[in-house]
N, C-alpha and C. Protein backbone atom coordinates (compact mmCIF):
# COMPACT_ATOMS: atom_id res chain seq x y z
N MET A 1 51.52 -79.52 10.60
CA MET A 1 50.13 -79.78 10.89
C MET A 1 49.92 -78.42 12.19
N GLU A 2 49.01 -77.84 12.42
CA GLU A 2 48.44 -76.58 13.29
C GLU A 2 48.41 -77.41 14.65
N SER A 3 48.93 -76.53 15.34
CA SER A 3 48.87 -76.89 16.91
C SER A 3 47.13 -76.89 17.45
N ASP A 4 46.93 -77.34 18.63
CA ASP A 4 45.73 -77.38 19.10
C ASP A 4 45.46 -75.70 19.70
N ALA A 5 46.44 -75.24 20.06
CA ALA A 5 46.19 -73.81 20.74
C ALA A 5 46.04 -72.87 19.76
N ARG A 6 46.81 -73.02 18.54
CA ARG A 6 46.91 -72.20 17.46
C ARG A 6 45.41 -72.36 16.71
N TYR A 7 44.96 -73.53 16.61
CA TYR A 7 43.62 -73.73 15.89
C TYR A 7 42.29 -72.96 16.78
N TYR A 8 42.55 -73.13 18.18
CA TYR A 8 41.65 -72.47 19.01
C TYR A 8 41.40 -71.13 18.88
N ARG A 9 42.66 -70.59 18.90
CA ARG A 9 43.09 -69.26 18.61
C ARG A 9 42.28 -68.80 17.26
N ARG A 10 42.60 -69.24 16.26
CA ARG A 10 42.28 -68.84 14.93
C ARG A 10 40.80 -68.84 14.64
N ARG A 11 40.30 -70.02 15.23
CA ARG A 11 38.90 -70.35 15.26
C ARG A 11 37.78 -69.09 16.10
N ALA A 12 38.61 -68.67 17.28
CA ALA A 12 37.82 -67.89 18.14
C ALA A 12 37.95 -66.46 17.12
N VAL A 13 38.98 -65.97 16.64
CA VAL A 13 39.10 -64.72 15.95
C VAL A 13 38.21 -65.05 14.78
N GLU A 14 38.03 -66.12 14.18
CA GLU A 14 37.17 -65.99 12.78
C GLU A 14 35.62 -66.00 13.29
N GLU A 15 35.42 -66.97 14.19
CA GLU A 15 33.93 -66.63 14.91
C GLU A 15 33.53 -65.29 15.73
N LEU A 16 34.50 -64.69 15.82
CA LEU A 16 34.25 -63.17 16.42
C LEU A 16 33.68 -62.24 15.25
N ALA A 17 34.69 -62.60 14.03
CA ALA A 17 34.45 -61.82 12.90
C ALA A 17 33.11 -62.17 12.73
N ALA A 18 32.51 -63.30 12.53
CA ALA A 18 31.49 -63.83 11.87
C ALA A 18 30.16 -63.09 12.64
N ALA A 19 30.64 -63.24 14.24
CA ALA A 19 29.55 -62.53 14.93
C ALA A 19 29.38 -61.16 14.55
N ASP A 20 30.45 -60.19 14.24
CA ASP A 20 30.43 -58.66 13.86
C ASP A 20 29.67 -58.53 12.56
N ARG A 21 29.68 -59.66 11.69
CA ARG A 21 28.78 -59.85 10.44
C ARG A 21 27.49 -60.15 10.60
N ALA A 22 27.19 -60.89 11.62
CA ALA A 22 25.69 -61.39 11.95
C ALA A 22 24.60 -60.42 11.64
N VAL A 23 23.48 -61.10 10.72
CA VAL A 23 22.69 -60.28 10.55
C VAL A 23 21.56 -60.12 11.88
N THR A 24 21.35 -61.20 12.24
CA THR A 24 20.36 -61.42 13.34
C THR A 24 20.93 -61.72 14.62
N SER A 25 20.20 -61.33 15.69
CA SER A 25 20.96 -61.57 16.99
C SER A 25 20.94 -62.77 17.34
N ALA A 26 20.13 -63.97 16.84
CA ALA A 26 20.24 -65.29 16.98
C ALA A 26 21.74 -65.63 16.59
N ALA A 27 22.20 -65.21 15.30
CA ALA A 27 23.28 -65.75 14.70
C ALA A 27 24.35 -65.21 15.41
N ARG A 28 24.05 -63.87 15.81
CA ARG A 28 25.33 -63.31 16.64
C ARG A 28 25.78 -64.31 18.01
N ASP A 29 24.53 -64.62 18.65
CA ASP A 29 24.51 -65.28 19.95
C ASP A 29 25.16 -66.79 19.69
N ARG A 30 24.69 -67.19 18.47
CA ARG A 30 25.44 -68.48 18.17
C ARG A 30 27.34 -68.40 18.14
N ARG A 31 27.14 -67.28 17.50
CA ARG A 31 28.78 -67.27 17.13
C ARG A 31 29.53 -67.07 18.31
N LEU A 32 28.85 -66.27 19.23
CA LEU A 32 29.85 -65.73 20.67
C LEU A 32 29.59 -67.19 21.28
N GLN A 33 28.84 -67.95 21.22
CA GLN A 33 28.64 -69.03 22.16
C GLN A 33 30.33 -70.03 21.66
N LEU A 34 30.29 -70.06 20.33
CA LEU A 34 31.44 -70.61 19.84
C LEU A 34 32.65 -70.01 20.18
N VAL A 35 32.82 -68.63 20.05
CA VAL A 35 33.86 -68.01 20.72
C VAL A 35 34.43 -68.10 22.18
N GLY A 36 33.58 -68.29 23.05
CA GLY A 36 33.74 -69.01 24.51
C GLY A 36 34.14 -70.14 24.45
N LEU A 37 33.47 -71.17 23.60
CA LEU A 37 33.97 -72.59 23.93
C LEU A 37 35.44 -72.93 23.01
N TYR A 38 35.76 -71.94 22.03
CA TYR A 38 37.10 -71.91 21.79
C TYR A 38 37.95 -71.25 23.06
N LEU A 39 37.63 -70.22 23.50
CA LEU A 39 38.45 -69.44 24.53
C LEU A 39 38.61 -70.48 25.97
N ASP A 40 37.46 -71.02 26.04
CA ASP A 40 37.68 -72.52 27.14
C ASP A 40 38.78 -73.22 26.84
N ARG A 41 38.72 -73.79 25.71
CA ARG A 41 39.68 -74.75 25.15
C ARG A 41 41.16 -74.29 25.21
N LEU A 42 41.09 -72.90 25.03
CA LEU A 42 42.77 -72.38 25.30
C LEU A 42 43.09 -72.42 26.69
N ARG A 43 42.04 -71.79 27.64
CA ARG A 43 42.40 -71.93 28.96
C ARG A 43 42.57 -73.17 29.57
N GLU A 44 41.90 -74.19 29.18
CA GLU A 44 42.46 -75.57 29.64
C GLU A 44 43.71 -76.13 29.07
N LEU A 45 44.14 -75.51 27.97
CA LEU A 45 45.65 -75.35 27.33
C LEU A 45 46.67 -74.53 27.95
N ASP A 46 46.29 -73.64 28.86
CA ASP A 46 46.83 -72.59 29.69
C ASP A 46 47.34 -71.56 28.57
N GLU A 47 46.80 -71.37 27.67
CA GLU A 47 47.19 -70.34 26.32
C GLU A 47 46.52 -69.24 26.87
N PRO A 48 47.01 -68.34 26.44
CA PRO A 48 46.41 -66.43 26.74
C PRO A 48 45.12 -66.32 25.41
N SER A 49 44.29 -65.86 25.89
CA SER A 49 43.09 -65.10 24.79
C SER A 49 43.87 -64.33 23.75
N PRO A 50 43.02 -64.42 22.52
CA PRO A 50 43.56 -63.37 21.61
C PRO A 50 43.07 -62.21 21.89
N PHE A 51 41.76 -62.02 22.53
CA PHE A 51 41.20 -60.77 23.05
C PHE A 51 41.57 -60.43 24.04
N ASN A 52 41.33 -59.00 24.41
CA ASN A 52 41.00 -58.34 25.82
C ASN A 52 39.84 -58.44 26.36
N GLU A 53 39.71 -58.69 27.33
CA GLU A 53 38.44 -58.82 27.94
C GLU A 53 37.26 -57.68 27.94
N ARG A 54 37.78 -56.35 27.62
CA ARG A 54 36.91 -55.26 27.63
C ARG A 54 36.34 -55.55 26.45
N GLU A 55 36.92 -55.95 25.38
CA GLU A 55 36.59 -55.92 23.93
C GLU A 55 35.34 -57.03 23.75
N LEU A 56 35.80 -58.46 24.75
CA LEU A 56 34.49 -59.37 24.63
C LEU A 56 33.61 -59.06 25.37
N MET A 57 33.58 -58.22 26.50
CA MET A 57 32.42 -57.87 27.20
C MET A 57 31.47 -56.92 26.34
N ARG A 58 32.16 -55.92 25.76
CA ARG A 58 31.34 -54.94 24.92
C ARG A 58 30.70 -55.78 23.70
N ARG A 59 31.47 -56.84 23.07
CA ARG A 59 30.72 -57.67 22.05
C ARG A 59 29.41 -58.25 22.81
N ARG A 60 30.13 -59.10 23.95
CA ARG A 60 28.40 -59.68 24.32
C ARG A 60 27.45 -58.98 24.55
N ALA A 61 27.70 -57.88 25.04
CA ALA A 61 26.38 -56.68 25.49
C ALA A 61 25.72 -56.34 24.29
N GLY A 62 26.07 -56.93 23.11
CA GLY A 62 25.47 -56.56 21.59
C GLY A 62 25.98 -55.34 21.00
N GLN A 63 27.06 -54.57 21.40
CA GLN A 63 27.48 -53.39 20.95
C GLN A 63 28.06 -53.67 19.85
N ARG A 64 27.76 -53.17 18.52
CA ARG A 64 28.17 -53.37 17.29
C ARG A 64 29.75 -52.28 17.07
N PRO A 65 30.80 -52.94 16.64
CA PRO A 65 31.83 -52.07 16.32
C PRO A 65 31.52 -51.03 15.49
N ALA A 66 30.85 -51.39 14.49
CA ALA A 66 30.66 -50.48 13.29
C ALA A 66 29.92 -48.97 13.68
N MET A 67 29.42 -49.21 14.69
CA MET A 67 28.62 -47.89 15.31
C MET A 67 29.86 -47.22 16.33
N GLY A 68 30.79 -47.87 16.84
CA GLY A 68 31.80 -47.10 17.66
C GLY A 68 32.34 -45.98 17.19
N TRP A 69 32.59 -45.62 16.02
CA TRP A 69 33.11 -44.69 15.73
C TRP A 69 31.95 -43.34 15.62
N LEU A 70 30.78 -43.86 15.73
CA LEU A 70 29.76 -42.67 15.55
C LEU A 70 29.77 -42.20 17.23
N ALA A 71 29.78 -43.08 18.38
CA ALA A 71 29.73 -42.60 19.60
C ALA A 71 31.00 -41.84 20.01
N ALA A 72 32.02 -42.17 19.23
CA ALA A 72 33.39 -41.48 19.84
C ALA A 72 33.28 -40.04 18.91
N ALA A 73 32.95 -40.04 17.65
CA ALA A 73 32.84 -38.49 17.38
C ALA A 73 31.50 -37.71 17.81
N GLU A 74 30.40 -38.38 18.23
CA GLU A 74 29.67 -37.40 19.23
C GLU A 74 30.25 -36.77 20.53
N SER A 75 30.61 -37.75 21.20
CA SER A 75 31.58 -37.48 22.47
C SER A 75 32.44 -36.38 21.98
N GLN A 76 32.89 -36.33 21.14
CA GLN A 76 33.90 -34.93 20.72
C GLN A 76 33.26 -33.65 20.23
N LEU A 77 32.05 -33.87 20.00
CA LEU A 77 31.22 -32.80 19.55
C LEU A 77 30.86 -31.95 20.93
N VAL A 78 30.64 -32.61 21.99
CA VAL A 78 29.91 -32.17 23.14
C VAL A 78 31.14 -31.28 24.06
């Protein structure tokens, strides 16, 4: 049987991936709320987050990872 910490970690990762695939901002926001819920549960168990904080802040700000390559390429052209 899967431990609670492993379940919360797995679900957080799955929901974050689903947020990246979300078509509407409302769907993305719902998925990110679930990510927050699972991360809170992990904190209650004194388990580390599967994500770095900078990545989560970027995603919560609505920046899409698929567009990250474009900004990086543009900054190298300047």
